Amino acid sequence: MEPHEEPGRPLEETSGNPADRSPDPDDERFAGIVAHLAHEDPQFVRRVSAPRAVGLGVGDLMIVVGLVATVLFGVVPLGIGLHAGAVPLLVVGALGCLLLPAGAPLAVRAILRRTRPLMP
């Protein structure tokens, strides 16, 4: 499928490929503004910095923690409770399967907001 050209806009702006775009003269100006704001307010850098390419991002970490917590404290107790007929394990497993997929990522986000160091 070939990219189509929208009326009034050149193909390189609509293709979505960053290599097709012409260099933007405002990029240097924007970088200067961000550097000035970072010098004045270090918290600003924390709010607008792009994620590092190395390691897990916050979203990836939230997904992994949510999945692991759900399996360990939801699916496993539910399976053991069903197999053994233990009502407390059924309740713990059901609550874990319902609450942990949403609760664990929110807890990770809250913890990381408090402990993440400022970017240099």
PDB file of N, CA and C in Angstrom:
ATOM      1  N   MET A   1       0.840  -1.162   0.000  1.00  0.00           N
ATOM      2  CA  MET A   1       0.000   0.000   0.000  1.00  0.00           C
ATOM      3  C   MET A   1       0.894   1.236   0.000  1.00  0.00           C
ATOM      4  N   GLU A   2       0.654   2.137  -0.926  1.00  0.00           N
ATOM      5  CA  GLU A   2       1.448   3.342  -1.028  1.00  0.00           C
ATOM      6  C   GLU A   2       0.811   4.459  -0.221  1.00  0.00           C
ATOM      7  N   PRO A   3       1.650   5.279   0.436  1.00  0.00           N
ATOM      8  CA  PRO A   3       1.069   6.404   1.170  1.00  0.00           C
ATOM      9  C   PRO A   3       0.468   7.405   0.199  1.00  0.00           C
ATOM     10  N   HIS A   4      -0.637   7.968   0.567  1.00  0.00           N
ATOM     11  CA  HIS A   4      -1.283   8.949  -0.290  1.00  0.00           C
ATOM     12  C   HIS A   4      -0.939  10.361   0.170  1.00  0.00           C
ATOM     13  N   GLU A   5      -1.006  11.256  -0.758  1.00  0.00           N
ATOM     14  CA  GLU A   5      -0.679  12.636  -0.448  1.00  0.00           C
ATOM     15  C   GLU A   5      -1.969  13.385  -0.148  1.00  0.00           C
ATOM     16  N   GLU A   6      -2.016  14.011   1.019  1.00  0.00           N
ATOM     17  CA  GLU A   6      -3.186  14.793   1.375  1.00  0.00           C
ATOM     18  C   GLU A   6      -3.129  16.111   0.632  1.00  0.00           C
ATOM     19  N   PRO A   7      -4.292  16.649   0.279  1.00  0.00           N
ATOM     20  CA  PRO A   7      -4.280  17.922  -0.435  1.00  0.00           C
ATOM     21  C   PRO A   7      -3.668  19.027   0.423  1.00  0.00           C
ATOM     22  N   GLY A   8      -2.767  19.771  -0.163  1.00  0.00           N
ATOM     23  CA  GLY A   8      -2.169  20.899   0.526  1.00  0.00           C
ATOM     24  C   GLY A   8      -0.977  20.546   1.401  1.00  0.00           C
ATOM     25  N   ARG A   9      -0.641  19.271   1.549  1.00  0.00           N
ATOM     26  CA  ARG A   9       0.492  18.871   2.393  1.00  0.00           C
ATOM     27  C   ARG A   9       1.416  17.970   1.583  1.00  0.00           C
ATOM     28  N   PRO A  10       2.719  18.212   1.648  1.00  0.00           N
ATOM     29  CA  PRO A  10       3.652  17.340   0.921  1.00  0.00           C
ATOM     30  C   PRO A  10       3.671  15.930   1.500  1.00  0.00           C
ATOM     31  N   LEU A  11       4.097  14.989   0.689  1.00  0.00           N
ATOM     32  CA  LEU A  11       4.103  13.573   1.071  1.00  0.00           C
ATOM     33  C   LEU A  11       4.972  13.309   2.286  1.00  0.00           C
ATOM     34  N   GLU A  12       6.116  13.992   2.439  1.00  0.00           N
ATOM     35  CA  GLU A  12       7.006  13.691   3.561  1.00  0.00           C
ATOM     36  C   GLU A  12       6.371  14.021   4.902  1.00  0.00           C
ATOM     37  N   GLU A  13       5.416  14.948   4.944  1.00  0.00           N
ATOM     38  CA  GLU A  13       4.770  15.273   6.212  1.00  0.00           C
ATOM     39  C   GLU A  13       3.694  14.266   6.580  1.00  0.00           C
ATOM     40  N   THR A  14       3.146  13.549   5.608  1.00  0.00           N
ATOM     41  CA  THR A  14       2.054  12.620   5.871  1.00  0.00           C
ATOM     42  C   THR A  14       2.494  11.173   5.916  1.00  0.00           C
ATOM     43  N   SER A  15       3.747  10.871   5.550  1.00  0.00           N
ATOM     44  CA  SER A  15       4.164   9.473   5.473  1.00  0.00           C
ATOM     45  C   SER A  15       4.354   8.836   6.834  1.00  0.00           C
ATOM     46  N   GLY A  16       4.646   9.623   7.872  1.00  0.00           N
ATOM     47  CA  GLY A  16       4.855   9.070   9.202  1.00  0.00           C
ATOM     48  C   GLY A  16       6.275   8.624   9.450  1.00  0.00           C
ATOM     49  N   ASN A  17       7.110   8.599   8.440  1.00  0.00           N
ATOM     50  CA  ASN A  17       8.499   8.192   8.593  1.00  0.00           C
ATOM     51  C   ASN A  17       9.330   9.420   8.951  1.00  0.00           C
ATOM     52  N   PRO A  18      10.012   9.415  10.121  1.00  0.00           N
ATOM     53  CA  PRO A  18      10.792  10.589  10.515  1.00  0.00           C
ATOM     54  C   PRO A  18      11.919  10.916   9.542  1.00  0.00           C
ATOM     55  N   ALA A  19      12.422   9.921   8.821  1.00  0.00           N
ATOM     56  CA  ALA A  19      13.512  10.173   7.877  1.00  0.00           C
ATOM     57  C   ALA A  19      13.032  10.970   6.672  1.00  0.00           C
ATOM     58  N   ASP A  20      11.725  10.887   6.352  1.00  0.00           N
ATOM     59  CA  ASP A  20      11.182  11.612   5.208  1.00  0.00           C
ATOM     60  C   ASP A  20      10.951  13.082   5.500  1.00  0.00           C
ATOM     61  N   ARG A  21      10.911  13.458   6.759  1.00  0.00           N
ATOM     62  CA  ARG A  21      10.628  14.839   7.126  1.00  0.00           C
ATOM     63  C   ARG A  21      11.863  15.706   6.952  1.00  0.00           C
ATOM     64  N   SER A  22      11.625  16.925   6.550  1.00  0.00           N
ATOM     65  CA  SER A  22      12.739  17.860   6.450  1.00  0.00           C
ATOM     66  C   SER A  22      13.091  18.353   7.847  1.00  0.00           C
ATOM     67  N   PRO A  23      14.366  18.747   8.090  1.00  0.00           N
ATOM     68  CA  PRO A  23      14.744  19.203   9.431  1.00  0.00           C
ATOM     69  C   PRO A  23      13.944  20.446   9.809  1.00  0.00           C
ATOM     70  N   ASP A  24      13.496  20.473  11.033  1.00  0.00           N
ATOM     71  CA  ASP A  24      12.671  21.569  11.525  1.00  0.00           C
ATOM     72  C   ASP A  24      13.562  22.619  12.177  1.00  0.00           C
ATOM     73  N   PRO A  25      13.504  23.859  11.721  1.00  0.00           N
ATOM     74  CA  PRO A  25      14.346  24.891  12.339  1.00  0.00           C
ATOM     75  C   PRO A  25      13.927  25.215  13.776  1.00  0.00           C
ATOM     76  N   ASP A  26      12.717  24.857  14.139  1.00  0.00           N
ATOM     77  CA  ASP A  26      12.259  25.135  15.501  1.00  0.00           C
ATOM     78  C   ASP A  26      12.795  24.135  16.523  1.00  0.00           C
ATOM     79  N   ASP A  27      13.384  23.018  16.051  1.00  0.00           N
ATOM     80  CA  ASP A  27      13.910  22.021  16.991  1.00  0.00           C
ATOM     81  C   ASP A  27      14.997  22.597  17.887  1.00  0.00           C
ATOM     82  N   GLU A  28      15.906  23.365  17.295  1.00  0.00           N
ATOM     83  CA  GLU A  28      16.982  23.959  18.101  1.00  0.00           C
ATOM     84  C   GLU A  28      16.421  24.985  19.080  1.00  0.00           C
ATOM     85  N   ARG A  29      15.457  25.738  18.630  1.00  0.00           N
ATOM     86  CA  ARG A  29      14.840  26.732  19.512  1.00  0.00           C
ATOM     87  C   ARG A  29      14.133  26.033  20.680  1.00  0.00           C
ATOM     88  N   PHE A  30      13.411  24.959  20.378  1.00  0.00           N
ATOM     89  CA  PHE A  30      12.717  24.214  21.424  1.00  0.00           C
ATOM     90  C   PHE A  30      13.711  23.611  22.413  1.00  0.00           C
ATOM     91  N   ALA A  31      14.811  23.061  21.899  1.00  0.00           N
ATOM     92  CA  ALA A  31      15.834  22.482  22.778  1.00  0.00           C
ATOM     93  C   ALA A  31      16.419  23.558  23.691  1.00  0.00           C
ATOM     94  N   GLY A  32      16.613  24.760  23.165  1.00  0.00           N
ATOM     95  CA  GLY A  32      17.113  25.859  23.988  1.00  0.00           C
ATOM     96  C   GLY A  32      16.130  26.254  25.082  1.00  0.00           C
ATOM     97  N   ILE A  33      14.847  26.270  24.747  1.00  0.00           N
ATOM     98  CA  ILE A  33      13.820  26.605  25.742  1.00  0.00           C
ATOM     99  C   ILE A  33      13.795  25.555  26.842  1.00  0.00           C
ATOM    100  N   VAL A  34      13.839  24.273  26.459  1.00  0.00           N
ATOM    101  CA  VAL A  34      13.823  23.191  27.446  1.00  0.00           C
ATOM    102  C   VAL A  34      15.061  23.252  28.328  1.00  0.00           C
ATOM    103  N   ALA A  35      16.231  23.537  27.742  1.00  0.00           N
ATOM    104  CA  ALA A  35      17.455  23.628  28.546  1.00  0.00           C
ATOM    105  C   ALA A  35      17.375  24.783  29.539  1.00  0.00           C
ATOM    106  N   HIS A  36      16.817  25.912  29.106  1.00  0.00           N
ATOM    107  CA  HIS A  36      16.669  27.060  30.012  1.00  0.00           C
ATOM    108  C   HIS A  36      15.707  26.735  31.158  1.00  0.00           C
ATOM    109  N   LEU A  37      14.581  26.113  30.821  1.00  0.00           N
ATOM    110  CA  LEU A  37      13.618  25.741  31.864  1.00  0.00           C
ATOM    111  C   LEU A  37      14.193  24.677  32.795  1.00  0.00           C
ATOM    112  N   ALA A  38      15.003  23.769  32.264  1.00  0.00           N
ATOM    113  CA  ALA A  38      15.623  22.743  33.101  1.00  0.00           C
ATOM    114  C   ALA A  38      16.600  23.363  34.092  1.00  0.00           C
ATOM    115  N   HIS A  39      17.272  24.416  33.661  1.00  0.00           N
ATOM    116  CA  HIS A  39      18.206  25.097  34.563  1.00  0.00           C
ATOM    117  C   HIS A  39      17.447  25.815  35.680  1.00  0.00           C
ATOM    118  N   GLU A  40      16.318  26.436  35.338  1.00  0.00           N
ATOM    119  CA  GLU A  40      15.530  27.168  36.329  1.00  0.00           C
ATOM    120  C   GLU A  40      14.719  26.240  37.238  1.00  0.00           C
ATOM    121  N   ASP A  41      14.146  25.184  36.648  1.00  0.00           N
ATOM    122  CA  ASP A  41      13.241  24.309  37.397  1.00  0.00           C
ATOM    123  C   ASP A  41      13.583  22.855  37.091  1.00  0.00           C
ATOM    124  N   PRO A  42      14.398  22.173  37.926  1.00  0.00           N
ATOM    125  CA  PRO A  42      14.763  20.772  37.648  1.00  0.00           C
ATOM    126  C   PRO A  42      13.554  19.836  37.595  1.00  0.00           C
ATOM    127  N   GLN A  43      12.470  20.177  38.278  1.00  0.00           N
ATOM    128  CA  GLN A  43      11.267  19.335  38.212  1.00  0.00           C
ATOM    129  C   GLN A  43      10.684  19.321  36.799  1.00  0.00           C
ATOM    130  N   PHE A  44      10.910  20.390  36.032  1.00  0.00           N
ATOM    131  CA  PHE A  44      10.418  20.465  34.664  1.00  0.00           C
ATOM    132  C   PHE A  44      11.007  19.337  33.818  1.00  0.00           C
ATOM    133  N   VAL A  45      12.293  19.065  34.000  1.00  0.00           N
ATOM    134  CA  VAL A  45      12.944  17.998  33.242  1.00  0.00           C
ATOM    135  C   VAL A  45      12.289  16.663  33.552  1.00  0.00           C
ATOM    136  N   ARG A  46      11.912  16.469  34.777  1.00  0.00           N
ATOM    137  CA  ARG A  46      11.275  15.214  35.170  1.00  0.00           C
ATOM    138  C   ARG A  46       9.924  15.055  34.485  1.00  0.00           C
ATOM    139  N   ARG A  47       9.235  16.151  34.248  1.00  0.00           N
ATOM    140  CA  ARG A  47       7.907  16.067  33.656  1.00  0.00           C
ATOM    141  C   ARG A  47       7.935  15.895  32.143  1.00  0.00           C
ATOM    142  N   VAL A  48       8.919  16.442  31.446  1.00  0.00           N
ATOM    143  CA  VAL A  48       8.875  16.433  29.987  1.00  0.00           C
ATOM    144  C   VAL A  48       9.951  15.591  29.326  1.00  0.00           C
ATOM    145  N   SER A  49      10.862  15.014  30.053  1.00  0.00           N
ATOM    146  CA  SER A  49      11.951  14.268  29.434  1.00  0.00           C
ATOM    147  C   SER A  49      11.436  13.019  28.739  1.00  0.00           C
ATOM    148  N   ALA A  50      12.048  12.709  27.621  1.00  0.00           N
ATOM    149  CA  ALA A  50      11.711  11.483  26.901  1.00  0.00           C
ATOM    150  C   ALA A  50      12.269  10.292  27.664  1.00  0.00           C
ATOM    151  N   PRO A  51      11.593   9.156  27.615  1.00  0.00           N
ATOM    152  CA  PRO A  51      12.113   7.976  28.315  1.00  0.00           C
ATOM    153  C   PRO A  51      13.417   7.503  27.687  1.00  0.00           C
ATOM    154  N   ARG A  52      14.257   6.938  28.521  1.00  0.00           N
ATOM    155  CA  ARG A  52      15.519   6.402  28.024  1.00  0.00           C
ATOM    156  C   ARG A  52      15.265   5.154  27.202  1.00  0.00           C
ATOM    157  N   ALA A  53      16.106   4.916  26.201  1.00  0.00           N
ATOM    158  CA  ALA A  53      15.940   3.761  25.322  1.00  0.00           C
ATOM    159  C   ALA A  53      16.415   2.477  25.992  1.00  0.00           C
ATOM    160  N   VAL A  54      17.231   2.584  27.039  1.00  0.00           N
ATOM    161  CA  VAL A  54      17.791   1.416  27.703  1.00  0.00           C
ATOM    162  C   VAL A  54      16.914   1.056  28.898  1.00  0.00           C
ATOM    163  N   GLY A  55      16.627  -0.221  29.042  1.00  0.00           N
ATOM    164  CA  GLY A  55      15.879  -0.687  30.209  1.00  0.00           C
ATOM    165  C   GLY A  55      14.376  -0.561  30.030  1.00  0.00           C
ATOM    166  N   LEU A  56      13.671  -0.977  31.061  1.00  0.00           N
ATOM    167  CA  LEU A  56      12.222  -0.937  31.025  1.00  0.00           C
ATOM    168  C   LEU A  56      11.715   0.471  31.276  1.00  0.00           C
ATOM    169  N   GLY A  57      10.692   0.856  30.564  1.00  0.00           N
ATOM    170  CA  GLY A  57      10.023   2.115  30.817  1.00  0.00           C
ATOM    171  C   GLY A  57       9.023   1.932  31.945  1.00  0.00           C
ATOM    172  N   VAL A  58       8.441   3.022  32.370  1.00  0.00           N
ATOM    173  CA  VAL A  58       7.473   2.959  33.459  1.00  0.00           C
ATOM    174  C   VAL A  58       6.264   2.134  33.052  1.00  0.00           C
ATOM    175  N   GLY A  59       5.798   2.307  31.838  1.00  0.00           N
ATOM    176  CA  GLY A  59       4.645   1.530  31.367  1.00  0.00           C
ATOM    177  C   GLY A  59       4.940   0.044  31.328  1.00  0.00           C
ATOM    178  N   ASP A  60       6.134  -0.307  30.865  1.00  0.00           N
ATOM    179  CA  ASP A  60       6.517  -1.722  30.826  1.00  0.00           C
ATOM    180  C   ASP A  60       6.585  -2.305  32.225  1.00  0.00           C
ATOM    181  N   LEU A  61       7.143  -1.545  33.146  1.00  0.00           N
ATOM    182  CA  LEU A  61       7.253  -2.002  34.530  1.00  0.00           C
ATOM    183  C   LEU A  61       5.871  -2.182  35.160  1.00  0.00           C
ATOM    184  N   MET A  62       4.963  -1.274  34.856  1.00  0.00           N
ATOM    185  CA  MET A  62       3.604  -1.374  35.390  1.00  0.00           C
ATOM    186  C   MET A  62       2.908  -2.635  34.874  1.00  0.00           C
ATOM    187  N   ILE A  63       3.096  -2.943  33.586  1.00  0.00           N
ATOM    188  CA  ILE A  63       2.477  -4.133  33.002  1.00  0.00           C
ATOM    189  C   ILE A  63       3.052  -5.397  33.622  1.00  0.00           C
ATOM    190  N   VAL A  64       4.364  -5.458  33.770  1.00  0.00           N
ATOM    191  CA  VAL A  64       5.011  -6.651  34.329  1.00  0.00           C
ATOM    192  C   VAL A  64       4.568  -6.871  35.779  1.00  0.00           C
ATOM    193  N   VAL A  65       4.578  -5.807  36.586  1.00  0.00           N
ATOM    194  CA  VAL A  65       4.181  -5.946  37.992  1.00  0.00           C
ATOM    195  C   VAL A  65       2.712  -6.341  38.093  1.00  0.00           C
ATOM    196  N   GLY A  66       1.854  -5.752  37.270  1.00  0.00           N
ATOM    197  CA  GLY A  66       0.441  -6.122  37.279  1.00  0.00           C
ATOM    198  C   GLY A  66       0.222  -7.575  36.909  1.00  0.00           C
ATOM    199  N   LEU A  67       0.947  -8.051  35.896  1.00  0.00           N
ATOM    200  CA  LEU A  67       0.811  -9.441  35.463  1.00  0.00           C
ATOM    201  C   LEU A  67       1.314 -10.417  36.520  1.00  0.00           C
ATOM    202  N   VAL A  68       2.496 -10.135  37.058  1.00  0.00           N
ATOM    203  CA  VAL A  68       3.075 -11.038  38.060  1.00  0.00           C
ATOM    204  C   VAL A  68       2.212 -11.065  39.326  1.00  0.00           C
ATOM    205  N   ALA A  69       1.763  -9.903  39.781  1.00  0.00           N
ATOM    206  CA  ALA A  69       0.927  -9.857  40.982  1.00  0.00           C
ATOM    207  C   ALA A  69      -0.393 -10.587  40.762  1.00  0.00           C
ATOM    208  N   THR A  70      -0.973 -10.428  39.585  1.00  0.00           N
ATOM    209  CA  THR A  70      -2.240 -11.101  39.294  1.00  0.00           C
ATOM    210  C   THR A  70      -2.065 -12.612  39.275  1.00  0.00           C
ATOM    211  N   VAL A  71      -0.980 -13.069  38.685  1.00  0.00           N
ATOM    212  CA  VAL A  71      -0.748 -14.520  38.634  1.00  0.00           C
ATOM    213  C   VAL A  71      -0.458 -15.067  40.028  1.00  0.00           C
ATOM    214  N   LEU A  72       0.437 -14.402  40.772  1.00  0.00           N
ATOM    215  CA  LEU A  72       0.830 -14.925  42.083  1.00  0.00           C
ATOM    216  C   LEU A  72      -0.285 -14.829  43.127  1.00  0.00           C
ATOM    217  N   PHE A  73      -0.998 -13.710  43.144  1.00  0.00           N
ATOM    218  CA  PHE A  73      -1.977 -13.494  44.202  1.00  0.00           C
ATOM    219  C   PHE A  73      -3.419 -13.608  43.720  1.00  0.00           C
ATOM    220  N   GLY A  74      -3.618 -13.988  42.463  1.00  0.00           N
ATOM    221  CA  GLY A  74      -4.959 -14.146  41.941  1.00  0.00           C
ATOM    222  C   GLY A  74      -5.196 -15.514  41.334  1.00  0.00           C
ATOM    223  N   VAL A  75      -4.460 -15.816  40.285  1.00  0.00           N
ATOM    224  CA  VAL A  75      -4.696 -17.054  39.537  1.00  0.00           C
ATOM    225  C   VAL A  75      -4.256 -18.279  40.336  1.00  0.00           C
ATOM    226  N   VAL A  76      -3.081 -18.223  40.934  1.00  0.00           N
ATOM    227  CA  VAL A  76      -2.577 -19.387  41.685  1.00  0.00           C
ATOM    228  C   VAL A  76      -3.475 -19.715  42.880  1.00  0.00           C
ATOM    229  N   PRO A  77      -3.819 -18.758  43.757  1.00  0.00           N
ATOM    230  CA  PRO A  77      -4.731 -19.100  44.852  1.00  0.00           C
ATOM    231  C   PRO A  77      -6.110 -19.558  44.366  1.00  0.00           C
ATOM    232  N   LEU A  78      -6.574 -18.959  43.274  1.00  0.00           N
ATOM    233  CA  LEU A  78      -7.874 -19.377  42.742  1.00  0.00           C
ATOM    234  C   LEU A  78      -7.818 -20.813  42.247  1.00  0.00           C
ATOM    235  N   GLY A  79      -6.753 -21.167  41.539  1.00  0.00           N
ATOM    236  CA  GLY A  79      -6.608 -22.543  41.061  1.00  0.00           C
ATOM    237  C   GLY A  79      -6.473 -23.538  42.195  1.00  0.00           C
ATOM    238  N   ILE A  80      -5.661 -23.206  43.195  1.00  0.00           N
ATOM    239  CA  ILE A  80      -5.497 -24.106  44.345  1.00  0.00           C
ATOM    240  C   ILE A  80      -6.802 -24.210  45.128  1.00  0.00           C
ATOM    241  N   GLY A  81      -7.493 -23.069  45.267  1.00  0.00           N
ATOM    242  CA  GLY A  81      -8.777 -23.081  45.976  1.00  0.00           C
ATOM    243  C   GLY A  81      -9.817 -23.915  45.264  1.00  0.00           C
ATOM    244  N   LEU A  82      -9.858 -23.845  43.943  1.00  0.00           N
ATOM    245  CA  LEU A  82     -10.800 -24.678  43.189  1.00  0.00           C
ATOM    246  C   LEU A  82     -10.448 -26.155  43.310  1.00  0.00           C
ATOM    247  N   HIS A  83      -9.169 -26.458  43.234  1.00  0.00           N
ATOM    248  CA  HIS A  83      -8.735 -27.851  43.312  1.00  0.00           C
ATOM    249  C   HIS A  83      -8.965 -28.442  44.700  1.00  0.00           C
ATOM    250  N   ALA A  84      -8.645 -27.665  45.738  1.00  0.00           N
ATOM    251  CA  ALA A  84      -8.743 -28.180  47.101  1.00  0.00           C
ATOM    252  C   ALA A  84     -10.108 -27.912  47.741  1.00  0.00           C
ATOM    253  N   GLY A  85     -10.890 -27.068  47.128  1.00  0.00           N
ATOM    254  CA  GLY A  85     -12.188 -26.734  47.710  1.00  0.00           C
ATOM    255  C   GLY A  85     -12.070 -25.813  48.908  1.00  0.00           C
ATOM    256  N   ALA A  86     -11.019 -25.020  48.968  1.00  0.00           N
ATOM    257  CA  ALA A  86     -10.801 -24.118  50.098  1.00  0.00           C
ATOM    258  C   ALA A  86     -11.429 -22.756  49.773  1.00  0.00           C
ATOM    259  N   VAL A  87     -12.450 -22.399  50.522  1.00  0.00           N
ATOM    260  CA  VAL A  87     -13.178 -21.159  50.285  1.00  0.00           C
ATOM    261  C   VAL A  87     -12.300 -19.913  50.503  1.00  0.00           C
ATOM    262  N   PRO A  88     -11.450 -19.870  51.544  1.00  0.00           N
ATOM    263  CA  PRO A  88     -10.604 -18.664  51.695  1.00  0.00           C
ATOM    264  C   PRO A  88      -9.680 -18.426  50.496  1.00  0.00           C
ATOM    265  N   LEU A  89      -9.134 -19.504  49.943  1.00  0.00           N
ATOM    266  CA  LEU A  89      -8.288 -19.337  48.764  1.00  0.00           C
ATOM    267  C   LEU A  89      -9.099 -18.899  47.547  1.00  0.00           C
ATOM    268  N   LEU A  90     -10.326 -19.376  47.449  1.00  0.00           N
ATOM    269  CA  LEU A  90     -11.193 -18.928  46.358  1.00  0.00           C
ATOM    270  C   LEU A  90     -11.470 -17.432  46.460  1.00  0.00           C
ATOM    271  N   VAL A  91     -11.737 -16.973  47.675  1.00  0.00           N
ATOM    272  CA  VAL A  91     -12.020 -15.542  47.882  1.00  0.00           C
ATOM    273  C   VAL A  91     -10.776 -14.699  47.587  1.00  0.00           C
ATOM    274  N   VAL A  92      -9.617 -15.122  48.123  1.00  0.00           N
ATOM    275  CA  VAL A  92      -8.376 -14.385  47.878  1.00  0.00           C
ATOM    276  C   VAL A  92      -8.046 -14.385  46.386  1.00  0.00           C
ATOM    277  N   GLY A  93      -8.197 -15.510  45.727  1.00  0.00           N
ATOM    278  CA  GLY A  93      -7.911 -15.599  44.298  1.00  0.00           C
ATOM    279  C   GLY A  93      -8.854 -14.756  43.462  1.00  0.00           C
ATOM    280  N   ALA A  94     -10.130 -14.772  43.799  1.00  0.00           N
ATOM    281  CA  ALA A  94     -11.102 -13.964  43.049  1.00  0.00           C
ATOM    282  C   ALA A  94     -10.823 -12.475  43.233  1.00  0.00           C
ATOM    283  N   LEU A  95     -10.548 -12.066  44.464  1.00  0.00           N
ATOM    284  CA  LEU A  95     -10.226 -10.655  44.704  1.00  0.00           C
ATOM    285  C   LEU A  95      -8.935 -10.256  44.014  1.00  0.00           C
ATOM    286  N   GLY A  96      -7.946 -11.153  44.042  1.00  0.00           N
ATOM    287  CA  GLY A  96      -6.683 -10.870  43.367  1.00  0.00           C
ATOM    288  C   GLY A  96      -6.857 -10.724  41.863  1.00  0.00           C
ATOM    289  N   CYS A  97      -7.693 -11.568  41.274  1.00  0.00           N
ATOM    290  CA  CYS A  97      -7.931 -11.481  39.826  1.00  0.00           C
ATOM    291  C   CYS A  97      -8.718 -10.232  39.454  1.00  0.00           C
ATOM    292  N   LEU A  98      -9.550  -9.754  40.360  1.00  0.00           N
ATOM    293  CA  LEU A  98     -10.353  -8.563  40.066  1.00  0.00           C
ATOM    294  C   LEU A  98      -9.615  -7.255  40.350  1.00  0.00           C
ATOM    295  N   LEU A  99      -8.859  -7.196  41.427  1.00  0.00           N
ATOM    296  CA  LEU A  99      -8.277  -5.933  41.867  1.00  0.00           C
ATOM    297  C   LEU A  99      -6.847  -5.691  41.396  1.00  0.00           C
ATOM    298  N   LEU A 100      -6.036  -6.724  41.333  1.00  0.00           N
ATOM    299  CA  LEU A 100      -4.615  -6.533  41.047  1.00  0.00           C
ATOM    300  C   LEU A 100      -4.286  -6.074  39.630  1.00  0.00           C
ATOM    301  N   PRO A 101      -5.039  -6.464  38.594  1.00  0.00           N
ATOM    302  CA  PRO A 101      -4.679  -5.947  37.266  1.00  0.00           C
ATOM    303  C   PRO A 101      -4.736  -4.420  37.178  1.00  0.00           C
ATOM    304  N   ALA A 102      -5.589  -3.795  37.953  1.00  0.00           N
ATOM    305  CA  ALA A 102      -5.651  -2.326  37.956  1.00  0.00           C
ATOM    306  C   ALA A 102      -4.876  -1.736  39.128  1.00  0.00           C
ATOM    307  N   GLY A 103      -4.888  -2.386  40.266  1.00  0.00           N
ATOM    308  CA  GLY A 103      -4.268  -1.832  41.469  1.00  0.00           C
ATOM    309  C   GLY A 103      -2.755  -1.868  41.468  1.00  0.00           C
ATOM    310  N   ALA A 104      -2.164  -2.936  40.981  1.00  0.00           N
ATOM    311  CA  ALA A 104      -0.694  -3.048  40.993  1.00  0.00           C
ATOM    312  C   ALA A 104      -0.027  -1.997  40.109  1.00  0.00           C
ATOM    313  N   PRO A 105      -0.491  -1.762  38.872  1.00  0.00           N
ATOM    314  CA  PRO A 105       0.137  -0.702  38.074  1.00  0.00           C
ATOM    315  C   PRO A 105      -0.031   0.685  38.695  1.00  0.00           C
ATOM    316  N   LEU A 106      -1.167   0.951  39.325  1.00  0.00           N
ATOM    317  CA  LEU A 106      -1.354   2.249  39.981  1.00  0.00           C
ATOM    318  C   LEU A 106      -0.397   2.404  41.159  1.00  0.00           C
ATOM    319  N   ALA A 107      -0.168   1.320  41.881  1.00  0.00           N
ATOM    320  CA  ALA A 107       0.781   1.375  43.000  1.00  0.00           C
ATOM    321  C   ALA A 107       2.207   1.609  42.485  1.00  0.00           C
ATOM    322  N   VAL A 108       2.574   0.956  41.385  1.00  0.00           N
ATOM    323  CA  VAL A 108       3.911   1.153  40.804  1.00  0.00           C
ATOM    324  C   VAL A 108       4.075   2.607  40.380  1.00  0.00           C
ATOM    325  N   ARG A 109       3.060   3.163  39.741  1.00  0.00           N
ATOM    326  CA  ARG A 109       3.150   4.557  39.307  1.00  0.00           C
ATOM    327  C   ARG A 109       3.307   5.502  40.490  1.00  0.00           C
ATOM    328  N   ALA A 110       2.548   5.258  41.554  1.00  0.00           N
ATOM    329  CA  ALA A 110       2.654   6.120  42.737  1.00  0.00           C
ATOM    330  C   ALA A 110       4.036   6.020  43.376  1.00  0.00           C
ATOM    331  N   ILE A 111       4.572   4.811  43.457  1.00  0.00           N
ATOM    332  CA  ILE A 111       5.898   4.622  44.056  1.00  0.00           C
ATOM    333  C   ILE A 111       6.985   5.271  43.195  1.00  0.00           C
ATOM    334  N   LEU A 112       6.902   5.082  41.875  1.00  0.00           N
ATOM    335  CA  LEU A 112       7.920   5.648  41.004  1.00  0.00           C
ATOM    336  C   LEU A 112       7.873   7.173  40.965  1.00  0.00           C
ATOM    337  N   ARG A 113       6.719   7.745  41.116  1.00  0.00           N
ATOM    338  CA  ARG A 113       6.628   9.203  41.148  1.00  0.00           C
ATOM    339  C   ARG A 113       7.344   9.767  42.370  1.00  0.00           C
ATOM    340  N   ARG A 114       7.367   9.018  43.455  1.00  0.00           N
ATOM    341  CA  ARG A 114       8.032   9.490  44.668  1.00  0.00           C
ATOM    342  C   ARG A 114       9.525   9.188  44.679  1.00  0.00           C
ATOM    343  N   THR A 115       9.937   8.091  44.053  1.00  0.00           N
ATOM    344  CA  THR A 115      11.322   7.648  44.182  1.00  0.00           C
ATOM    345  C   THR A 115      12.178   7.891  42.937  1.00  0.00           C
ATOM    346  N   ARG A 116      11.595   8.204  41.793  1.00  0.00           N
ATOM    347  CA  ARG A 116      12.390   8.354  40.575  1.00  0.00           C
ATOM    348  C   ARG A 116      13.277   9.585  40.680  1.00  0.00           C
ATOM    349  N   PRO A 117      14.585   9.413  40.506  1.00  0.00           N
ATOM    350  CA  PRO A 117      15.486  10.579  40.605  1.00  0.00           C
ATOM    351  C   PRO A 117      15.303  11.500  39.411  1.00  0.00           C
ATOM    352  N   LEU A 118      15.680  12.735  39.600  1.00  0.00           N
ATOM    353  CA  LEU A 118      15.617  13.696  38.509  1.00  0.00           C
ATOM    354  C   LEU A 118      16.628  13.325  37.441  1.00  0.00           C
ATOM    355  N   MET A 119      16.283  13.596  36.201  1.00  0.00           N
ATOM    356  CA  MET A 119      17.208  13.317  35.101  1.00  0.00           C
ATOM    357  C   MET A 119      18.284  14.401  35.079  1.00  0.00           C
ATOM    358  N   PRO A 120      19.515  14.046  34.696  1.00  0.00           N
ATOM    359  CA  PRO A 120      20.578  15.060  34.661  1.00  0.00           C
ATOM    360  C   PRO A 120      20.361  16.087  33.563  1.00  0.00           C
TER     361      PRO A 120
END
